[in-house]
């Protein structure tokens, strides 16, 4: 069964690459909800911690990599919010 988790982890983690590439190329995060993305990144961090604590290597590694990828997008989003002067009004 661990192989099933490993395959799922690989697919969901790799699925972030096209979005990261697009955001880095275009620097456009306008259509990404800051509130949703903050919750998502926090959830990924919590899953990584959980995977570490229960010694579930696929859960830990996949979420650690997903965090790294999603953190790149989050940084671009926070820069866009700062540059546009929207502040926390754009969290929703």
C-alpha atoms as a PDB file:
ATOM      1  CA  UNK A   1       0.000   0.000   0.000  1.00  0.00           C
ATOM      2  CA  UNK A   2       2.929   2.365   0.537  1.00  0.00           C
ATOM      3  CA  UNK A   3       3.508   2.374  -3.221  1.00  0.00           C
ATOM      4  CA  UNK A   4       0.002   3.783  -3.711  1.00  0.00           C
ATOM      5  CA  UNK A   5       0.812   6.632  -1.328  1.00  0.00           C
ATOM      6  CA  UNK A   6       4.109   7.207  -3.070  1.00  0.00           C
ATOM      7  CA  UNK A   7       2.458   7.445  -6.501  1.00  0.00           C
ATOM      8  CA  UNK A   8      -0.203   9.813  -5.155  1.00  0.00           C
ATOM      9  CA  UNK A   9       2.477  11.933  -3.490  1.00  0.00           C
ATOM     10  CA  UNK A  10       4.515  12.170  -6.681  1.00  0.00           C
ATOM     11  CA  UNK A  11       1.518  13.127  -8.823  1.00  0.00           C
ATOM     12  CA  UNK A  12       0.140  15.787  -6.489  1.00  0.00           C
ATOM     13  CA  UNK A  13       3.587  17.263  -5.882  1.00  0.00           C
ATOM     14  CA  UNK A  14       4.629  17.363  -9.541  1.00  0.00           C
ATOM     15  CA  UNK A  15       1.279  18.949 -10.436  1.00  0.00           C
ATOM     16  CA  UNK A  16       2.561  22.191  -8.883  1.00  0.00           C
ATOM     17  CA  UNK A  17       5.459  22.571 -11.296  1.00  0.00           C
ATOM     18  CA  UNK A  18       3.479  24.039 -14.220  1.00  0.00           C
ATOM     19  CA  UNK A  19       1.911  26.674 -11.937  1.00  0.00           C
ATOM     20  CA  UNK A  20       5.246  27.610 -10.385  1.00  0.00           C
ATOM     21  CA  UNK A  21       6.836  27.902 -13.822  1.00  0.00           C
ATOM     22  CA  UNK A  22       3.970  30.077 -15.073  1.00  0.00           C
ATOM     23  CA  UNK A  23       4.059  32.377 -12.046  1.00  0.00           C
ATOM     24  CA  UNK A  24       7.848  32.763 -12.202  1.00  0.00           C
ATOM     25  CA  UNK A  25       7.712  33.520 -15.959  1.00  0.00           C
ATOM     26  CA  UNK A  26       4.742  35.906 -15.888  1.00  0.00           C
ATOM     27  CA  UNK A  27       4.987  37.173 -12.304  1.00  0.00           C
ATOM     28  CA  UNK A  28       1.181  37.203 -12.423  1.00  0.00           C
ATOM     29  CA  UNK A  29      -0.728  35.967  -9.376  1.00  0.00           C
ATOM     30  CA  UNK A  30      -3.792  38.197  -9.755  1.00  0.00           C
ATOM     31  CA  UNK A  31      -6.220  35.281 -10.086  1.00  0.00           C
ATOM     32  CA  UNK A  32      -4.876  33.466  -7.006  1.00  0.00           C
ATOM     33  CA  UNK A  33      -6.794  34.054  -3.780  1.00  0.00           C
ATOM     34  CA  UNK A  34      -4.368  35.069  -1.024  1.00  0.00           C
ATOM     35  CA  UNK A  35      -6.629  33.713   1.717  1.00  0.00           C
ATOM     36  CA  UNK A  36      -6.977  30.326   0.076  1.00  0.00           C
ATOM     37  CA  UNK A  37      -3.291  30.134  -0.663  1.00  0.00           C
ATOM     38  CA  UNK A  38      -2.275  31.038   2.896  1.00  0.00           C
ATOM     39  CA  UNK A  39      -4.547  28.275   4.215  1.00  0.00           C
ATOM     40  CA  UNK A  40      -3.193  25.840   1.635  1.00  0.00           C
ATOM     41  CA  UNK A  41       0.455  26.518   2.508  1.00  0.00           C
ATOM     42  CA  UNK A  42      -0.307  26.197   6.221  1.00  0.00           C
ATOM     43  CA  UNK A  43      -2.117  22.913   5.551  1.00  0.00           C
ATOM     44  CA  UNK A  44       0.854  21.583   3.594  1.00  0.00           C
ATOM     45  CA  UNK A  45       3.214  22.511   6.433  1.00  0.00           C
ATOM     46  CA  UNK A  46       0.958  20.717   8.921  1.00  0.00           C
ATOM     47  CA  UNK A  47       0.828  17.615   6.683  1.00  0.00           C
ATOM     48  CA  UNK A  48       4.632  17.629   6.474  1.00  0.00           C
ATOM     49  CA  UNK A  49       4.897  17.867  10.254  1.00  0.00           C
ATOM     50  CA  UNK A  50       2.367  15.064  10.607  1.00  0.00           C
ATOM     51  CA  UNK A  51       4.272  12.875   8.139  1.00  0.00           C
ATOM     52  CA  UNK A  52       7.481  13.487  10.057  1.00  0.00           C
ATOM     53  CA  UNK A  53       5.915  12.722  13.429  1.00  0.00           C
ATOM     54  CA  UNK A  54       4.286   9.460  12.322  1.00  0.00           C
ATOM     55  CA  UNK A  55       7.341   8.532  10.242  1.00  0.00           C
ATOM     56  CA  UNK A  56       5.362   8.383   6.998  1.00  0.00           C
ATOM     57  CA  UNK A  57       8.091   9.131   4.470  1.00  0.00           C
ATOM     58  CA  UNK A  58       5.849   9.669   1.375  1.00  0.00           C
ATOM     59  CA  UNK A  59       3.599  12.105   3.255  1.00  0.00           C
ATOM     60  CA  UNK A  60       6.551  13.983   4.728  1.00  0.00           C
ATOM     61  CA  UNK A  61       8.641  14.243   1.550  1.00  0.00           C
ATOM     62  CA  UNK A  62       5.742  15.065  -0.756  1.00  0.00           C
ATOM     63  CA  UNK A  63       4.475  17.822   1.499  1.00  0.00           C
ATOM     64  CA  UNK A  64       7.947  19.210   2.088  1.00  0.00           C
ATOM     65  CA  UNK A  65       8.479  19.504  -1.678  1.00  0.00           C
ATOM     66  CA  UNK A  66       4.954  20.855  -2.185  1.00  0.00           C
ATOM     67  CA  UNK A  67       5.641  23.449   0.497  1.00  0.00           C
ATOM     68  CA  UNK A  68       8.796  24.585  -1.306  1.00  0.00           C
ATOM     69  CA  UNK A  69       6.937  24.920  -4.599  1.00  0.00           C
ATOM     70  CA  UNK A  70       3.852  26.588  -3.132  1.00  0.00           C
ATOM     71  CA  UNK A  71       6.016  28.940  -1.061  1.00  0.00           C
ATOM     72  CA  UNK A  72       7.483  30.335  -4.294  1.00  0.00           C
ATOM     73  CA  UNK A  73       3.985  31.147  -5.531  1.00  0.00           C
ATOM     74  CA  UNK A  74       3.034  32.598  -2.142  1.00  0.00           C
ATOM     75  CA  UNK A  75       6.037  34.943  -2.215  1.00  0.00           C
ATOM     76  CA  UNK A  76       5.030  36.202  -5.665  1.00  0.00           C
ATOM     77  CA  UNK A  77       1.450  36.656  -4.447  1.00  0.00           C
ATOM     78  CA  UNK A  78       2.538  38.607  -1.356  1.00  0.00           C
ATOM     79  CA  UNK A  79       4.750  40.812  -3.533  1.00  0.00           C
ATOM     80  CA  UNK A  80       1.814  41.466  -5.873  1.00  0.00           C
ATOM     81  CA  UNK A  81      -0.422  42.394  -2.920  1.00  0.00           C
ATOM     82  CA  UNK A  82       2.260  44.714  -1.505  1.00  0.00           C
ATOM     83  CA  UNK A  83       2.981  46.350  -4.869  1.00  0.00           C
ATOM     84  CA  UNK A  84      -0.724  46.990  -5.531  1.00  0.00           C
ATOM     85  CA  UNK A  85      -1.303  48.390  -2.057  1.00  0.00           C
ATOM     86  CA  UNK A  86      -4.228  46.025  -1.457  1.00  0.00           C
ATOM     87  CA  UNK A  87      -2.976  44.882   1.942  1.00  0.00           C
ATOM     88  CA  UNK A  88      -5.178  42.344   3.678  1.00  0.00           C
ATOM     89  CA  UNK A  89      -8.245  43.508   1.696  1.00  0.00           C
ATOM     90  CA  UNK A  90      -7.225  40.977  -0.951  1.00  0.00           C
ATOM     91  CA  UNK A  91      -7.158  37.982   1.407  1.00  0.00           C
ATOM     92  CA  UNK A  92     -10.531  36.747   0.162  1.00  0.00           C
END
